[in-house]
Amino acid sequence: MITKKEVLFQILLHLVILLFFGYNWQTETYSLDRVVFFVMYALGTLTITYFFMPNFLYKKKYWQFFVGLIGVISALILLEEFVLEQIFYPDTKRSGTFPGIFISLIGVLPIMTILASGKFAWDALGRQRQIEDLKSSIQESELQFLRSQVNPHFLFNNLNNLYSYALEGSTKTPEIILELSGVLRYMLYECKEEFVPLDKELEQLGNFIRLYKMQIEERGVVNFKVNSINSGYKIAPLILVVFIENAFKHSQSGQSSDIKIDINLDMNGSTLNFSCKNNYEKTQGLETVAKGIGLTNVKKRLELLYAKKYQLKIDEKGNTFEVNLSLDLERA
């Protein structure tokens, strides 16, 4: 499909070439014969670039393209030698001879090459834009899929815990349901954007930690510290939550007491530093804390969203699991 921008580009390109080609440096004026010759070359080039290139060259029909190319160039030379030169240079003795045809070929090819190169470059830029758009679309689809995995994963883990409390008839069950509904509301309705304000994400992070602390009760200690956070920055939602959920989940899975979880956040300029450390007891079926859908998911999202703007270090030593993440954030 030919766009208005392409038409304008072609007009400007042809005018620029015409300004140079149509000027007769001997008489220091624009001559009609050179203008007519240029128009003939331009029409031939348009036939090649808008018919033979899209129908043959881009479809890898190379023989048909080269046959058409040679045909157009031959037609132009014949038209120049036996028609136009007879009109503009009736007394010339080189028309129709080999030297005359060779000179005509030298005059035709540079002009057609320049004009065809302009079209080829325009098409190449267009294809590059299409590739970038396609990559962006694929990346956005992958991010949406990865975000869609977080909500069911989180809900499944919490419903299991809630079921246990309901069976025990715990008085904290209504409070847990209330906190859970608030966190889910944020995850479902306020995390649709690629990035959210850092302040809002940290506020929900606190709600999330309170939800899990109620489930731990007196079985351990949870420390959550936020220091020197600069407002006005944005962050990808539900990145930090995955690491914290992982810490709570695996700390509770194999031990009934002495749970220790330390979560720290601070900023240095635009860099957010996050650390989460927890203890756990290895049990059958839990070979490593560093495996599972949650961490695999968040690693993919970090690579897609932050590329070379993050550093993630995960250490698993003995009965201790520690995550250190540095993110280079952008202003909201």
Protein backbone atom coordinates (compact mmCIF):
# COMPACT_ATOMS: atom_id res chain seq x y z
CA MET A 1 0.00 0.00 0.00
CA ILE A 2 1.41 3.35 -1.07
CA THR A 3 1.13 6.00 1.65
CA LYS A 4 1.06 9.79 1.37
CA LYS A 5 4.47 9.96 3.04
CA GLU A 6 5.93 7.67 0.39
CA VAL A 7 4.42 9.74 -2.43
CA LEU A 8 5.87 12.92 -0.91
CA PHE A 9 9.26 11.23 -0.48
CA GLN A 10 9.31 10.10 -4.13
CA ILE A 11 8.30 13.56 -5.38
CA LEU A 12 11.07 15.24 -3.37
CA LEU A 13 13.64 12.66 -4.48
CA HIS A 14 12.72 13.07 -8.16
CA LEU A 15 12.80 16.88 -7.89
CA VAL A 16 16.25 16.84 -6.29
CA ILE A 17 17.65 14.51 -8.97
CA LEU A 18 15.97 16.58 -11.70
CA LEU A 19 17.58 19.78 -10.40
CA PHE A 20 21.02 18.27 -10.94
CA PHE A 21 20.39 16.19 -14.07
CA GLY A 22 18.30 18.75 -15.96
CA TYR A 23 20.91 21.49 -15.63
CA ASN A 24 23.20 21.98 -18.59
CA TRP A 25 26.54 23.08 -17.17
CA GLN A 26 27.81 24.19 -20.58
CA THR A 27 24.98 26.66 -21.24
CA GLU A 28 24.33 27.18 -17.51
CA THR A 29 20.59 26.75 -18.08
CA TYR A 30 18.02 24.00 -17.79
CA SER A 31 17.57 22.31 -21.16
CA LEU A 32 14.35 20.67 -22.37
CA ASP A 33 16.09 17.61 -23.76
CA ARG A 34 17.69 16.69 -20.40
CA VAL A 35 14.35 17.19 -18.63
CA VAL A 36 12.60 14.89 -21.15
CA PHE A 37 15.34 12.27 -20.81
CA PHE A 38 14.99 12.39 -17.03
CA VAL A 39 11.22 11.96 -17.22
CA MET A 40 11.75 8.91 -19.43
CA TYR A 41 14.27 7.43 -16.95
CA ALA A 42 11.93 8.18 -14.04
CA LEU A 43 8.97 6.45 -15.70
CA GLY A 44 11.10 3.41 -16.43
CA THR A 45 12.35 3.32 -12.84
CA LEU A 46 8.82 3.62 -11.47
CA THR A 47 7.83 0.60 -13.56
CA ILE A 48 10.69 -1.37 -12.02
CA THR A 49 10.23 -0.22 -8.43
CA TYR A 50 6.43 -0.35 -8.21
CA PHE A 51 5.75 -3.36 -10.43
CA PHE A 52 8.75 -5.65 -10.87
CA MET A 53 10.19 -5.24 -7.34
CA PRO A 54 7.02 -6.01 -5.32
CA ASN A 55 5.75 -8.69 -7.74
CA PHE A 56 8.99 -10.47 -8.49
CA LEU A 57 12.05 -9.37 -6.48
CA TYR A 58 10.38 -9.37 -3.04
CA LYS A 59 8.70 -12.68 -3.85
CA LYS A 60 12.09 -14.20 -4.77
CA LYS A 61 11.19 -14.59 -8.43
CA TYR A 62 14.63 -13.43 -9.48
CA TRP A 63 14.64 -14.59 -13.09
CA GLN A 64 11.38 -12.79 -13.85
CA PHE A 65 12.71 -9.66 -12.16
CA PHE A 66 15.99 -9.59 -14.09
CA VAL A 67 14.23 -10.27 -17.38
CA GLY A 68 11.85 -7.39 -16.67
CA LEU A 69 14.74 -5.14 -15.60
CA ILE A 70 16.70 -5.83 -18.79
CA GLY A 71 13.55 -5.33 -20.83
CA VAL A 72 12.83 -1.90 -19.34
CA ILE A 73 16.43 -0.72 -19.71
CA SER A 74 16.56 -1.97 -23.31
CA ALA A 75 13.28 -0.19 -24.10
CA LEU A 76 14.61 3.06 -22.63
CA ILE A 77 17.84 2.87 -24.65
CA LEU A 78 15.97 2.13 -27.86
CA LEU A 79 13.52 4.97 -27.19
CA GLU A 80 16.39 7.34 -26.51
CA GLU A 81 18.49 6.26 -29.49
CA PHE A 82 15.85 5.98 -32.17
CA VAL A 83 13.22 8.49 -31.07
CA LEU A 84 14.36 11.19 -28.66
CA GLU A 85 17.83 11.68 -30.09
CA GLN A 86 16.30 11.94 -33.57
CA ILE A 87 14.08 14.73 -32.24
CA PHE A 88 16.60 16.65 -30.18
CA TYR A 89 19.83 15.79 -32.06
CA PRO A 90 18.82 15.09 -35.68
CA ASP A 91 22.35 15.70 -36.98
CA THR A 92 24.09 13.26 -34.62
CA LYS A 93 25.96 10.38 -36.23
CA ARG A 94 26.15 8.13 -33.16
CA SER A 95 22.43 7.19 -32.91
CA GLY A 96 21.87 3.48 -33.34
CA THR A 97 25.59 2.61 -33.26
CA PHE A 98 27.31 0.56 -30.57
CA PRO A 99 29.20 3.55 -29.09
CA GLY A 100 25.94 5.51 -28.98
CA ILE A 101 24.10 2.69 -27.21
CA PHE A 102 26.97 2.28 -24.75
CA ILE A 103 26.94 6.02 -23.96
CA SER A 104 23.16 5.90 -23.49
CA LEU A 105 23.55 2.96 -21.10
CA ILE A 106 26.08 4.93 -19.05
CA GLY A 107 23.60 7.80 -18.84
CA VAL A 108 20.59 5.62 -17.99
CA LEU A 109 21.97 3.37 -15.25
CA PRO A 110 23.20 5.94 -12.66
CA ILE A 111 19.91 7.85 -12.69
CA MET A 112 17.80 4.70 -12.46
CA THR A 113 20.05 3.28 -9.74
CA ILE A 114 19.66 6.38 -7.58
CA LEU A 115 15.89 6.48 -8.02
CA ALA A 116 15.49 2.74 -7.43
CA SER A 117 17.73 2.93 -4.35
CA GLY A 118 15.38 5.50 -2.85
CA LYS A 119 12.43 3.12 -3.22
CA PHE A 120 14.44 0.15 -1.97
CA ALA A 121 15.56 2.12 1.11
CA TRP A 122 11.99 3.22 1.81
CA ASP A 123 10.75 -0.38 1.61
CA ALA A 124 13.59 -1.57 3.86
CA LEU A 125 12.69 1.02 6.49
CA GLY A 126 9.04 0.01 6.23
CA ARG A 127 9.89 -3.66 6.75
CA GLN A 128 12.08 -2.75 9.72
CA ARG A 129 9.18 -0.81 11.27
CA GLN A 130 6.90 -3.82 10.73
CA ILE A 131 9.44 -6.10 12.40
CA GLU A 132 9.76 -3.74 15.37
CA ASP A 133 5.96 -3.51 15.68
CA LEU A 134 5.71 -7.29 15.52
CA LYS A 135 8.41 -7.69 18.18
CA SER A 136 6.63 -5.15 20.38
CA SER A 137 3.32 -7.00 19.90
CA ILE A 138 4.89 -10.34 20.75
CA GLN A 139 6.60 -8.88 23.82
CA GLU A 140 3.37 -7.28 25.03
CA SER A 141 1.50 -10.57 24.53
CA GLU A 142 4.17 -12.45 26.46
CA LEU A 143 4.08 -9.91 29.29
CA GLN A 144 0.29 -10.15 29.49
CA PHE A 145 0.54 -13.92 29.61
CA LEU A 146 3.19 -13.80 32.35
CA ARG A 147 1.13 -11.32 34.40
CA SER A 148 -1.94 -13.52 33.96
CA GLN A 149 0.01 -16.40 35.52
CA VAL A 150 0.76 -14.45 38.70
CA ASN A 151 -2.85 -13.95 39.79
CA PRO A 152 -3.98 -17.63 39.71
CA HIS A 153 -0.67 -18.69 41.26
CA PHE A 154 -1.10 -16.22 44.12
CA LEU A 155 -4.79 -17.04 44.56
CA PHE A 156 -4.16 -20.79 44.63
CA ASN A 157 -1.56 -20.50 47.39
CA ASN A 158 -3.71 -18.23 49.52
CA LEU A 159 -6.91 -20.25 49.11
CA ASN A 160 -5.06 -23.29 50.41
CA ASN A 161 -4.00 -21.34 53.50
CA LEU A 162 -7.48 -19.88 53.91
CA TYR A 163 -9.02 -23.35 53.70
CA SER A 164 -6.78 -24.54 56.56
CA TYR A 165 -7.82 -21.61 58.76
CA ALA A 166 -11.49 -22.15 57.94
CA LEU A 167 -11.23 -25.81 58.97
CA GLU A 168 -9.66 -24.78 62.26
CA GLY A 169 -12.39 -22.19 62.82
CA SER A 170 -9.76 -19.47 63.29
CA THR A 171 -11.11 -16.07 64.32
CA LYS A 172 -8.65 -14.51 61.89
CA THR A 173 -10.38 -16.01 58.86
CA PRO A 174 -12.65 -12.96 58.16
CA GLU A 175 -9.68 -10.58 58.52
CA ILE A 176 -7.58 -12.71 56.17
CA ILE A 177 -10.41 -12.74 53.63
CA LEU A 178 -10.65 -8.93 53.85
CA GLU A 179 -6.91 -8.45 53.35
CA LEU A 180 -6.89 -11.00 50.53
CA SER A 181 -9.73 -9.23 48.72
CA GLY A 182 -7.85 -5.92 48.90
CA VAL A 183 -4.66 -7.42 47.47
CA LEU A 184 -6.60 -9.23 44.73
CA ARG A 185 -8.43 -6.02 43.82
CA TYR A 186 -5.09 -4.33 43.24
CA MET A 187 -3.72 -7.27 41.26
CA LEU A 188 -6.79 -7.58 39.04
CA TYR A 189 -7.79 -3.98 38.41
CA GLU A 190 -4.85 -1.68 39.08
CA CYS A 191 -1.99 -3.71 37.55
CA LYS A 192 -3.12 -3.60 33.94
CA GLU A 193 -0.53 -0.99 33.02
CA GLU A 194 3.02 -1.98 32.18
CA PHE A 195 4.29 0.24 35.01
CA VAL A 196 2.67 1.61 38.18
CA PRO A 197 3.77 4.33 40.67
CA LEU A 198 6.42 2.99 43.03
CA ASP A 199 4.61 4.39 46.08
CA LYS A 200 1.43 2.49 45.25
CA GLU A 201 3.32 -0.76 44.62
CA LEU A 202 5.13 -0.49 47.96
CA GLU A 203 1.84 0.25 49.73
CA GLN A 204 0.34 -2.93 48.33
CA LEU A 205 3.53 -4.78 49.19
CA GLY A 206 2.92 -3.82 52.83
CA ASN A 207 -0.67 -5.10 52.61
CA PHE A 208 0.56 -8.35 51.12
CA ILE A 209 3.11 -8.84 53.92
CA ARG A 210 0.46 -8.13 56.57
CA LEU A 211 -1.74 -10.79 54.97
CA TYR A 212 0.97 -13.40 55.25
CA LYS A 213 2.07 -12.31 58.74
CA MET A 214 -1.45 -13.09 59.97
CA GLN A 215 -1.04 -16.61 58.66
CA ILE A 216 2.32 -17.06 60.41
CA GLU A 217 0.91 -15.75 63.72
CA GLU A 218 3.38 -16.52 66.54
CA ARG A 219 5.47 -19.02 64.61
CA GLY A 220 8.21 -16.59 63.65
CA VAL A 221 9.42 -13.05 63.00
CA VAL A 222 8.94 -10.97 59.86
CA ASN A 223 10.95 -7.76 59.43
CA PHE A 224 9.91 -5.34 56.71
CA LYS A 225 11.94 -2.13 56.32
CA VAL A 226 11.61 0.60 53.71
CA ASN A 227 14.33 3.27 53.78
CA SER A 228 15.11 6.32 51.63
CA ILE A 229 12.53 5.72 48.91
CA ASN A 230 12.34 8.53 46.35
CA SER A 231 8.84 9.33 45.12
CA GLY A 232 8.02 10.02 41.50
CA TYR A 233 9.33 6.74 40.08
CA LYS A 234 7.50 3.85 38.45
CA ILE A 235 8.00 0.10 38.58
CA ALA A 236 6.62 -2.98 36.87
CA PRO A 237 3.81 -4.33 39.09
CA LEU A 238 3.96 -7.66 40.91
CA ILE A 239 7.71 -8.10 40.52
CA LEU A 240 8.72 -7.90 44.19
CA VAL A 241 5.58 -9.68 45.39
CA VAL A 242 6.72 -12.93 43.77
CA PHE A 243 9.95 -13.05 45.78
CA ILE A 244 8.14 -12.27 49.04
CA GLU A 245 5.42 -14.85 48.36
CA ASN A 246 8.14 -17.39 47.64
CA ALA A 247 9.80 -16.60 51.00
CA PHE A 248 6.59 -17.01 53.01
CA LYS A 249 5.48 -20.10 51.14
CA HIS A 250 8.69 -22.04 51.60
CA SER A 251 9.35 -20.86 55.15
CA GLN A 252 5.99 -22.30 56.21
CA SER A 253 6.13 -25.46 54.13
CA GLY A 254 8.57 -27.43 56.29
CA GLN A 255 8.66 -25.77 59.68
CA SER A 256 6.06 -24.90 62.26
CA SER A 257 8.14 -22.44 64.28
CA ASP A 258 11.21 -20.20 64.25
CA ILE A 259 10.32 -18.68 60.88
CA LYS A 260 12.59 -15.76 60.00
CA ILE A 261 11.97 -13.45 57.06
CA ASP A 262 13.84 -10.17 56.47
CA ILE A 263 12.69 -7.81 53.71
CA ASN A 264 14.54 -4.56 53.00
CA LEU A 265 14.04 -1.81 50.45
CA ASP A 266 16.05 1.35 49.78
CA MET A 267 16.99 3.60 46.88
CA ASN A 268 20.25 5.05 45.65
CA GLY A 269 19.36 7.71 43.12
CA SER A 270 17.09 5.97 40.61
CA THR A 271 18.22 2.48 41.63
CA LEU A 272 15.89 0.46 43.83
CA ASN A 273 17.62 -2.12 46.00
CA PHE A 274 15.49 -5.00 47.25
CA SER A 275 16.56 -7.90 49.46
CA CYS A 276 14.53 -10.77 50.85
CA LYS A 277 16.03 -13.42 53.12
CA ASN A 278 14.25 -16.37 54.70
CA ASN A 279 15.02 -19.65 56.41
CA TYR A 280 13.32 -22.94 55.53
CA GLU A 281 13.44 -26.65 56.20
CA LYS A 282 13.99 -28.94 53.23
CA THR A 283 11.23 -31.48 52.81
CA GLN A 284 10.49 -34.21 50.32
CA GLY A 285 9.27 -32.73 47.05
CA LEU A 286 10.96 -29.38 47.79
CA GLU A 287 14.43 -29.86 46.33
CA THR A 288 15.17 -26.18 45.90
CA VAL A 289 13.38 -22.95 46.65
CA ALA A 290 14.75 -21.43 43.44
CA LYS A 291 12.45 -23.55 41.27
CA GLY A 292 8.79 -23.07 40.45
CA ILE A 293 6.45 -21.05 38.28
CA GLY A 294 6.77 -17.88 40.37
CA LEU A 295 10.51 -17.32 40.04
CA THR A 296 10.65 -18.53 36.45
CA ASN A 297 7.88 -16.08 35.62
CA VAL A 298 9.51 -13.10 37.31
CA LYS A 299 12.89 -13.75 35.68
CA LYS A 300 11.28 -13.66 32.22
CA ARG A 301 9.45 -10.44 33.07
CA LEU A 302 12.62 -8.79 34.34
CA GLU A 303 14.41 -9.68 31.13
CA LEU A 304 11.58 -8.34 28.97
CA LEU A 305 10.94 -5.14 30.92
CA TYR A 306 14.35 -4.15 32.24
CA ALA A 307 16.83 -5.99 29.98
CA LYS A 308 20.25 -4.66 31.08
CA LYS A 309 18.78 -2.38 33.75
CA TYR A 310 18.61 -4.93 36.54
CA GLN A 311 20.82 -7.24 38.60
CA LEU A 312 19.35 -10.32 40.23
CA LYS A 313 21.30 -12.53 42.60
CA ILE A 314 19.75 -15.60 44.23
CA ASP A 315 21.69 -17.54 46.86
CA GLU A 316 20.57 -20.78 48.43
CA LYS A 317 22.95 -21.94 51.17
CA GLY A 318 22.04 -24.57 53.70
CA ASN A 319 18.63 -23.65 55.07
CA THR A 320 18.78 -20.00 53.97
CA PHE A 321 17.42 -18.49 50.78
CA GLU A 322 18.31 -14.92 49.84
CA VAL A 323 17.29 -12.72 46.93
CA ASN A 324 19.00 -9.42 46.04
CA LEU A 325 17.55 -7.36 43.23
CA SER A 326 18.62 -3.97 41.89
CA LEU A 327 16.35 -2.16 39.43
CA ASP A 328 17.13 1.00 37.50
CA LEU A 329 13.77 2.77 37.62
CA GLU A 330 12.37 5.50 35.38
CA ARG A 331 10.46 8.55 36.52
CA ALA A 332 6.70 8.34 36.34
